[in-house]
C-alpha cells in the first residue's frame, strides 16, 4: 500500500509556503515536511482537518492511493 501526499500541489495552487502552512495549521515545519515528503506513518484526523481548512480542499486533494510495483518484491 502506498499513499501519495499531494500537499506540494495544494501549496502551489494556494501560493503558500511550507512555513506559512505549518504556522496556520499549528504544527512544526519539520513535522509538515515529514508528512509532505510521504515519510509519515500516520496523520491525526485533527491535523488533516486543519490542513483541509487552511488549504480550502478535501482530504482526497491531499492524499491518494497508488499501487506499489510488485516486481521489486
Protein backbone atom coordinates (compact mmCIF):
# COMPACT_ATOMS: atom_id res chain seq x y z
CA UNK A 1 0.00 0.00 0.00
CA UNK A 2 1.42 3.35 -1.00
CA UNK A 3 -0.25 6.59 -0.04
CA UNK A 4 0.93 9.59 -2.06
CA UNK A 5 0.77 13.01 -0.42
CA UNK A 6 0.00 15.98 -2.66
CA UNK A 7 0.48 18.84 -0.21
CA UNK A 8 3.01 20.42 -2.61
CA UNK A 9 0.33 20.63 -5.31
CA UNK A 10 -2.09 22.41 -2.99
CA UNK A 11 0.64 24.73 -1.69
CA UNK A 12 1.45 25.76 -5.26
CA UNK A 13 -2.22 26.31 -6.10
CA UNK A 14 -2.66 28.48 -3.00
CA UNK A 15 0.71 30.23 -3.47
CA UNK A 16 1.58 29.41 0.13
CA UNK A 17 4.90 28.47 1.70
CA UNK A 18 5.52 25.43 3.87
CA UNK A 19 6.32 27.71 6.80
CA UNK A 20 3.07 29.64 6.44
CA UNK A 21 1.04 26.42 6.20
CA UNK A 22 2.78 24.97 9.27
CA UNK A 23 2.05 28.16 11.26
CA UNK A 24 -1.59 28.28 10.21
CA UNK A 25 -2.15 24.56 10.88
CA UNK A 26 -0.28 24.61 14.20
CA UNK A 27 2.42 22.04 13.50
CA UNK A 28 6.16 22.39 13.18
CA UNK A 29 7.71 22.85 9.72
CA UNK A 30 9.71 19.67 10.38
CA UNK A 31 6.56 17.62 11.03
CA UNK A 32 4.88 19.11 7.97
CA UNK A 33 7.95 18.18 5.89
CA UNK A 34 7.73 14.56 7.12
CA UNK A 35 4.08 14.45 6.06
CA UNK A 36 4.66 16.34 2.79
CA UNK A 37 7.50 14.03 1.74
CA UNK A 38 5.49 10.86 2.39
CA UNK A 39 7.60 9.69 5.33
CA UNK A 40 4.82 9.90 7.94
CA UNK A 41 3.46 6.64 9.32
CA UNK A 42 0.19 8.27 10.43
CA UNK A 43 -1.69 11.55 10.42
CA UNK A 44 -4.22 12.68 13.00
CA UNK A 45 -7.67 13.49 11.68
CA UNK A 46 -7.44 16.83 13.51
CA UNK A 47 -4.26 17.65 11.54
CA UNK A 48 -5.82 16.51 8.27
CA UNK A 49 -8.91 18.62 9.00
CA UNK A 50 -6.75 21.66 9.78
CA UNK A 51 -4.78 21.18 6.54
CA UNK A 52 -8.03 20.99 4.58
CA UNK A 53 -9.43 24.07 6.30
CA UNK A 54 -6.34 26.19 5.66
CA UNK A 55 -5.87 24.94 2.08
CA UNK A 56 -9.64 25.01 1.39
CA UNK A 57 -9.67 21.48 -0.01
CA UNK A 58 -10.90 17.96 0.62
CA UNK A 59 -8.78 15.14 2.14
CA UNK A 60 -8.73 13.46 -1.29
CA UNK A 61 -6.97 16.53 -2.68
CA UNK A 62 -4.08 15.83 -0.28
CA UNK A 63 -3.93 12.03 -0.13
CA UNK A 64 -4.28 9.35 -2.81
CA UNK A 65 -3.52 5.65 -3.06
CA UNK A 66 -1.02 4.34 -5.60
CA UNK A 67 -0.40 0.68 -6.32
CA UNK A 68 3.11 -0.41 -5.44
CA UNK A 69 5.30 -2.01 -8.06
CA UNK A 70 5.34 -5.70 -7.09
CA UNK A 71 8.24 -6.51 -9.43
CA UNK A 72 10.79 -5.37 -6.85
CA UNK A 73 9.38 -7.55 -4.05
